[in-house]
């Protein structure tokens, strides 16, 4: 049975698909642990600190790509 991703997890995997990054690269750039990010993606932990850090990095990366 396939693990279901949280809504945050779906956004993360769409971002990874769009950018070609891996979960490890995203975790590294966002300054969070890869295992913790994976746990948040699948809804196993709330990720009160992980979600804002990852969303901030994703937003910043999109803005930089849009700018040029």
C-alpha atoms as a PDB file:
ATOM      1  CA  UNK A   1       0.000   0.000   0.000  1.00  0.00           C
ATOM      2  CA  UNK A   2       1.342   3.390  -1.004  1.00  0.00           C
ATOM      3  CA  UNK A   3       1.864   6.048   1.678  1.00  0.00           C
ATOM      4  CA  UNK A   4      -0.432   9.045   1.353  1.00  0.00           C
ATOM      5  CA  UNK A   5       1.206  12.471   1.347  1.00  0.00           C
ATOM      6  CA  UNK A   6      -0.149  15.400   3.334  1.00  0.00           C
ATOM      7  CA  UNK A   7      -1.241  18.541   1.428  1.00  0.00           C
ATOM      8  CA  UNK A   8       2.150  20.025   2.340  1.00  0.00           C
ATOM      9  CA  UNK A   9       3.782  16.871   0.992  1.00  0.00           C
ATOM     10  CA  UNK A  10       1.984  17.218  -2.323  1.00  0.00           C
ATOM     11  CA  UNK A  11       3.204  20.813  -2.627  1.00  0.00           C
ATOM     12  CA  UNK A  12       6.752  19.700  -1.810  1.00  0.00           C
ATOM     13  CA  UNK A  13       6.724  16.939  -4.416  1.00  0.00           C
ATOM     14  CA  UNK A  14       5.280  19.286  -7.059  1.00  0.00           C
ATOM     15  CA  UNK A  15       8.110  21.723  -6.290  1.00  0.00           C
ATOM     16  CA  UNK A  16      10.672  18.913  -6.499  1.00  0.00           C
ATOM     17  CA  UNK A  17       9.225  17.808  -9.821  1.00  0.00           C
ATOM     18  CA  UNK A  18       9.286  21.356 -11.208  1.00  0.00           C
ATOM     19  CA  UNK A  19      12.865  22.051 -10.101  1.00  0.00           C
ATOM     20  CA  UNK A  20      14.448  18.623 -10.461  1.00  0.00           C
ATOM     21  CA  UNK A  21      15.706  18.746  -6.875  1.00  0.00           C
ATOM     22  CA  UNK A  22      15.778  15.801  -4.488  1.00  0.00           C
ATOM     23  CA  UNK A  23      14.306  15.706  -0.990  1.00  0.00           C
ATOM     24  CA  UNK A  24      17.852  15.735   0.400  1.00  0.00           C
ATOM     25  CA  UNK A  25      18.753  18.871  -1.582  1.00  0.00           C
ATOM     26  CA  UNK A  26      15.574  20.656  -0.508  1.00  0.00           C
ATOM     27  CA  UNK A  27      16.165  19.753   3.140  1.00  0.00           C
ATOM     28  CA  UNK A  28      19.748  20.972   2.913  1.00  0.00           C
ATOM     29  CA  UNK A  29      18.791  24.301   1.304  1.00  0.00           C
ATOM     30  CA  UNK A  30      15.957  24.844   3.801  1.00  0.00           C
ATOM     31  CA  UNK A  31      18.203  24.003   6.768  1.00  0.00           C
ATOM     32  CA  UNK A  32      16.163  21.048   8.034  1.00  0.00           C
ATOM     33  CA  UNK A  33      16.911  17.357   8.476  1.00  0.00           C
ATOM     34  CA  UNK A  34      15.969  15.114   5.561  1.00  0.00           C
ATOM     35  CA  UNK A  35      14.320  12.492   7.783  1.00  0.00           C
ATOM     36  CA  UNK A  36      12.220  15.136   9.495  1.00  0.00           C
ATOM     37  CA  UNK A  37      11.150  16.599   6.153  1.00  0.00           C
ATOM     38  CA  UNK A  38      10.120  13.139   4.924  1.00  0.00           C
ATOM     39  CA  UNK A  39       8.117  12.554   8.139  1.00  0.00           C
ATOM     40  CA  UNK A  40       6.288  15.865   7.687  1.00  0.00           C
ATOM     41  CA  UNK A  41       5.596  15.105   4.009  1.00  0.00           C
ATOM     42  CA  UNK A  42       3.784  11.915   5.019  1.00  0.00           C
ATOM     43  CA  UNK A  43       2.020  13.526   8.001  1.00  0.00           C
ATOM     44  CA  UNK A  44       3.839  11.509  10.656  1.00  0.00           C
ATOM     45  CA  UNK A  45       4.919  14.620  12.535  1.00  0.00           C
ATOM     46  CA  UNK A  46       3.422  18.136  12.602  1.00  0.00           C
ATOM     47  CA  UNK A  47       6.597  19.945  11.481  1.00  0.00           C
ATOM     48  CA  UNK A  48       5.946  23.255  13.207  1.00  0.00           C
ATOM     49  CA  UNK A  49       9.457  24.459  12.343  1.00  0.00           C
ATOM     50  CA  UNK A  50      10.021  22.465   9.164  1.00  0.00           C
ATOM     51  CA  UNK A  51       6.997  23.659   7.194  1.00  0.00           C
ATOM     52  CA  UNK A  52       7.723  27.406   7.481  1.00  0.00           C
ATOM     53  CA  UNK A  53      11.420  26.894   6.653  1.00  0.00           C
ATOM     54  CA  UNK A  54      10.692  24.767   3.590  1.00  0.00           C
ATOM     55  CA  UNK A  55       7.883  27.016   2.343  1.00  0.00           C
ATOM     56  CA  UNK A  56      10.124  30.071   2.734  1.00  0.00           C
ATOM     57  CA  UNK A  57      12.876  28.430   0.694  1.00  0.00           C
ATOM     58  CA  UNK A  58      10.437  27.264  -1.979  1.00  0.00           C
ATOM     59  CA  UNK A  59       8.933  30.759  -2.257  1.00  0.00           C
ATOM     60  CA  UNK A  60      12.371  32.379  -2.417  1.00  0.00           C
ATOM     61  CA  UNK A  61      13.523  29.943  -5.124  1.00  0.00           C
ATOM     62  CA  UNK A  62      10.405  30.610  -7.226  1.00  0.00           C
ATOM     63  CA  UNK A  63      10.904  34.370  -6.933  1.00  0.00           C
ATOM     64  CA  UNK A  64      14.550  34.077  -8.031  1.00  0.00           C
ATOM     65  CA  UNK A  65      13.601  31.909 -11.016  1.00  0.00           C
ATOM     66  CA  UNK A  66      10.837  34.330 -12.017  1.00  0.00           C
ATOM     67  CA  UNK A  67      13.227  37.281 -11.781  1.00  0.00           C
ATOM     68  CA  UNK A  68      15.638  35.819 -14.182  1.00  0.00           C
END
